[in-house]
């Protein structure tokens, strides 16, 4: 029985893919033991990204309101040491309406525990 070349290539590609998956899965646990990863992660910066979509034609208004109302609170949290950095960016290319966003705010927290605690920012808002 003769196997067509396209089927042979497909079988070889599938075998190579399976081998790569097997090798990759076997090295996952080798990097560090579970306890070591948890201890390391406690002091690692934790990054969160927020995506904002403004109504068409109102992106500049959104930016002005964000800078006036929300950015001072984030800046104060940096001063308190909860956050390390806050940055905002705009998309480089146009996308479809489903994936469209106008602004991405990236917040780098000191660690994951601080990012997920129940910090009440209403006190900061009243101060500002």
C-alpha atoms as a PDB file:
ATOM      1  CA  UNK A   1       0.000   0.000   0.000  1.00  0.00           C
ATOM      2  CA  UNK A   2       1.360   3.377  -0.981  1.00  0.00           C
ATOM      3  CA  UNK A   3       0.683   6.426   1.265  1.00  0.00           C
ATOM      4  CA  UNK A   4       0.175   9.753  -0.536  1.00  0.00           C
ATOM      5  CA  UNK A   5       2.893  12.306   0.218  1.00  0.00           C
ATOM      6  CA  UNK A   6       0.454  14.833   1.716  1.00  0.00           C
ATOM      7  CA  UNK A   7      -0.778  12.257   4.261  1.00  0.00           C
ATOM      8  CA  UNK A   8       2.800  11.292   5.126  1.00  0.00           C
ATOM      9  CA  UNK A   9       3.726  14.941   5.711  1.00  0.00           C
ATOM     10  CA  UNK A  10       0.598  15.455   7.812  1.00  0.00           C
ATOM     11  CA  UNK A  11       1.408  12.378   9.903  1.00  0.00           C
ATOM     12  CA  UNK A  12       4.997  13.524  10.385  1.00  0.00           C
ATOM     13  CA  UNK A  13       3.807  17.000  11.409  1.00  0.00           C
ATOM     14  CA  UNK A  14       1.337  15.521  13.905  1.00  0.00           C
ATOM     15  CA  UNK A  15       4.054  13.295  15.388  1.00  0.00           C
ATOM     16  CA  UNK A  16       6.416  16.280  15.746  1.00  0.00           C
ATOM     17  CA  UNK A  17       3.652  18.338  17.361  1.00  0.00           C
ATOM     18  CA  UNK A  18       2.858  15.523  19.792  1.00  0.00           C
ATOM     19  CA  UNK A  19       6.521  15.153  20.706  1.00  0.00           C
ATOM     20  CA  UNK A  20       6.869  18.900  21.280  1.00  0.00           C
ATOM     21  CA  UNK A  21       3.774  18.919  23.495  1.00  0.00           C
ATOM     22  CA  UNK A  22       5.093  15.970  25.484  1.00  0.00           C
ATOM     23  CA  UNK A  23       8.492  17.597  26.005  1.00  0.00           C
ATOM     24  CA  UNK A  24       6.910  20.930  26.951  1.00  0.00           C
ATOM     25  CA  UNK A  25       4.516  19.378  29.470  1.00  0.00           C
ATOM     26  CA  UNK A  26       7.293  17.372  31.088  1.00  0.00           C
ATOM     27  CA  UNK A  27       9.388  20.502  31.763  1.00  0.00           C
ATOM     28  CA  UNK A  28       6.608  22.550  33.384  1.00  0.00           C
ATOM     29  CA  UNK A  29       7.187  21.297  36.927  1.00  0.00           C
ATOM     30  CA  UNK A  30      10.974  21.234  36.633  1.00  0.00           C
ATOM     31  CA  UNK A  31      11.552  25.003  36.838  1.00  0.00           C
ATOM     32  CA  UNK A  32      10.830  25.428  40.562  1.00  0.00           C
ATOM     33  CA  UNK A  33       8.991  23.542  43.262  1.00  0.00           C
ATOM     34  CA  UNK A  34       5.517  24.747  44.214  1.00  0.00           C
ATOM     35  CA  UNK A  35       6.604  26.236  47.538  1.00  0.00           C
ATOM     36  CA  UNK A  36       9.404  28.197  45.883  1.00  0.00           C
ATOM     37  CA  UNK A  37       7.080  29.713  43.320  1.00  0.00           C
ATOM     38  CA  UNK A  38       4.643  30.902  46.005  1.00  0.00           C
ATOM     39  CA  UNK A  39       7.414  32.485  48.049  1.00  0.00           C
ATOM     40  CA  UNK A  40       8.874  34.217  44.983  1.00  0.00           C
ATOM     41  CA  UNK A  41       5.483  35.522  43.815  1.00  0.00           C
ATOM     42  CA  UNK A  42       4.794  37.362  47.074  1.00  0.00           C
ATOM     43  CA  UNK A  43       7.274  40.117  46.310  1.00  0.00           C
ATOM     44  CA  UNK A  44       6.825  40.210  42.532  1.00  0.00           C
ATOM     45  CA  UNK A  45       5.095  43.223  40.955  1.00  0.00           C
ATOM     46  CA  UNK A  46       1.544  42.482  39.806  1.00  0.00           C
ATOM     47  CA  UNK A  47       0.281  44.094  36.585  1.00  0.00           C
ATOM     48  CA  UNK A  48      -3.377  44.843  35.808  1.00  0.00           C
ATOM     49  CA  UNK A  49      -4.688  46.344  32.600  1.00  0.00           C
ATOM     50  CA  UNK A  50      -7.984  48.173  32.204  1.00  0.00           C
ATOM     51  CA  UNK A  51      -9.461  48.862  28.771  1.00  0.00           C
ATOM     52  CA  UNK A  52     -11.764  51.810  28.174  1.00  0.00           C
ATOM     53  CA  UNK A  53     -14.010  52.403  25.204  1.00  0.00           C
ATOM     54  CA  UNK A  54     -15.290  55.957  24.745  1.00  0.00           C
ATOM     55  CA  UNK A  55     -18.351  56.926  22.767  1.00  0.00           C
ATOM     56  CA  UNK A  56     -17.450  57.899  19.200  1.00  0.00           C
ATOM     57  CA  UNK A  57     -16.244  61.501  19.119  1.00  0.00           C
ATOM     58  CA  UNK A  58     -15.915  61.756  22.906  1.00  0.00           C
ATOM     59  CA  UNK A  59     -12.468  60.235  23.497  1.00  0.00           C
ATOM     60  CA  UNK A  60     -10.892  63.588  24.360  1.00  0.00           C
ATOM     61  CA  UNK A  61     -13.696  64.327  26.847  1.00  0.00           C
ATOM     62  CA  UNK A  62     -13.135  60.937  28.476  1.00  0.00           C
ATOM     63  CA  UNK A  63      -9.400  61.621  28.737  1.00  0.00           C
ATOM     64  CA  UNK A  64      -9.987  65.028  30.337  1.00  0.00           C
ATOM     65  CA  UNK A  65     -12.380  63.538  32.905  1.00  0.00           C
ATOM     66  CA  UNK A  66     -10.016  60.644  33.637  1.00  0.00           C
ATOM     67  CA  UNK A  67      -7.113  63.037  34.256  1.00  0.00           C
ATOM     68  CA  UNK A  68      -9.284  65.234  36.468  1.00  0.00           C
ATOM     69  CA  UNK A  69     -11.087  62.588  38.538  1.00  0.00           C
ATOM     70  CA  UNK A  70      -9.340  59.213  38.487  1.00  0.00           C
ATOM     71  CA  UNK A  71      -5.658  59.881  37.861  1.00  0.00           C
ATOM     72  CA  UNK A  72      -5.145  61.901  41.091  1.00  0.00           C
ATOM     73  CA  UNK A  73      -6.445  58.926  43.121  1.00  0.00           C
ATOM     74  CA  UNK A  74      -4.072  56.547  41.319  1.00  0.00           C
ATOM     75  CA  UNK A  75      -1.206  59.004  41.799  1.00  0.00           C
ATOM     76  CA  UNK A  76      -1.950  59.180  45.530  1.00  0.00           C
ATOM     77  CA  UNK A  77      -1.879  55.374  45.753  1.00  0.00           C
ATOM     78  CA  UNK A  78       1.584  55.459  44.165  1.00  0.00           C
ATOM     79  CA  UNK A  79       2.659  57.909  46.873  1.00  0.00           C
ATOM     80  CA  UNK A  80       1.261  55.543  49.537  1.00  0.00           C
ATOM     81  CA  UNK A  81       3.365  52.709  48.078  1.00  0.00           C
ATOM     82  CA  UNK A  82       0.479  50.475  46.986  1.00  0.00           C
ATOM     83  CA  UNK A  83       1.294  50.934  43.308  1.00  0.00           C
ATOM     84  CA  UNK A  84       4.635  51.210  41.565  1.00  0.00           C
ATOM     85  CA  UNK A  85       3.552  52.714  38.238  1.00  0.00           C
ATOM     86  CA  UNK A  86       0.496  53.826  36.266  1.00  0.00           C
ATOM     87  CA  UNK A  87       0.578  54.366  32.516  1.00  0.00           C
ATOM     88  CA  UNK A  88      -1.957  54.968  29.764  1.00  0.00           C
ATOM     89  CA  UNK A  89      -1.683  54.101  26.085  1.00  0.00           C
ATOM     90  CA  UNK A  90      -3.790  54.299  22.942  1.00  0.00           C
ATOM     91  CA  UNK A  91      -4.004  51.625  20.237  1.00  0.00           C
ATOM     92  CA  UNK A  92      -1.627  51.876  17.308  1.00  0.00           C
ATOM     93  CA  UNK A  93      -3.909  50.278  14.716  1.00  0.00           C
ATOM     94  CA  UNK A  94      -7.626  50.300  14.021  1.00  0.00           C
ATOM     95  CA  UNK A  95      -9.629  47.212  14.944  1.00  0.00           C
ATOM     96  CA  UNK A  96     -13.161  45.939  14.497  1.00  0.00           C
ATOM     97  CA  UNK A  97     -15.876  47.315  16.742  1.00  0.00           C
ATOM     98  CA  UNK A  98     -15.889  44.133  18.844  1.00  0.00           C
ATOM     99  CA  UNK A  99     -12.237  44.493  19.815  1.00  0.00           C
ATOM    100  CA  UNK A 100     -12.068  48.281  19.803  1.00  0.00           C
ATOM    101  CA  UNK A 101     -10.683  50.170  22.773  1.00  0.00           C
ATOM    102  CA  UNK A 102      -9.585  53.767  23.079  1.00  0.00           C
ATOM    103  CA  UNK A 103      -7.393  53.752  26.177  1.00  0.00           C
ATOM    104  CA  UNK A 104      -5.500  51.089  28.102  1.00  0.00           C
ATOM    105  CA  UNK A 105      -4.493  51.915  31.662  1.00  0.00           C
ATOM    106  CA  UNK A 106      -1.735  49.693  33.047  1.00  0.00           C
ATOM    107  CA  UNK A 107      -1.281  49.626  36.810  1.00  0.00           C
ATOM    108  CA  UNK A 108       1.733  47.923  38.368  1.00  0.00           C
ATOM    109  CA  UNK A 109       0.982  46.991  41.986  1.00  0.00           C
ATOM    110  CA  UNK A 110       3.663  46.228  44.551  1.00  0.00           C
ATOM    111  CA  UNK A 111       2.455  42.601  44.700  1.00  0.00           C
ATOM    112  CA  UNK A 112      -0.648  40.477  44.059  1.00  0.00           C
ATOM    113  CA  UNK A 113      -1.842  40.629  47.668  1.00  0.00           C
ATOM    114  CA  UNK A 114      -2.043  44.424  47.565  1.00  0.00           C
ATOM    115  CA  UNK A 115      -3.770  44.344  44.175  1.00  0.00           C
ATOM    116  CA  UNK A 116      -6.509  42.062  45.524  1.00  0.00           C
ATOM    117  CA  UNK A 117      -7.080  43.513  48.985  1.00  0.00           C
ATOM    118  CA  UNK A 118     -10.218  45.444  49.868  1.00  0.00           C
ATOM    119  CA  UNK A 119      -8.642  48.907  49.848  1.00  0.00           C
ATOM    120  CA  UNK A 120     -11.270  51.625  50.292  1.00  0.00           C
ATOM    121  CA  UNK A 121     -10.326  54.558  48.073  1.00  0.00           C
ATOM    122  CA  UNK A 122     -13.276  56.689  49.252  1.00  0.00           C
ATOM    123  CA  UNK A 123     -11.043  58.189  51.964  1.00  0.00           C
ATOM    124  CA  UNK A 124      -8.563  59.298  49.295  1.00  0.00           C
ATOM    125  CA  UNK A 125     -11.351  60.730  47.172  1.00  0.00           C
ATOM    126  CA  UNK A 126     -12.589  62.840  50.093  1.00  0.00           C
ATOM    127  CA  UNK A 127      -9.044  64.092  50.770  1.00  0.00           C
ATOM    128  CA  UNK A 128      -8.535  65.122  47.166  1.00  0.00           C
END
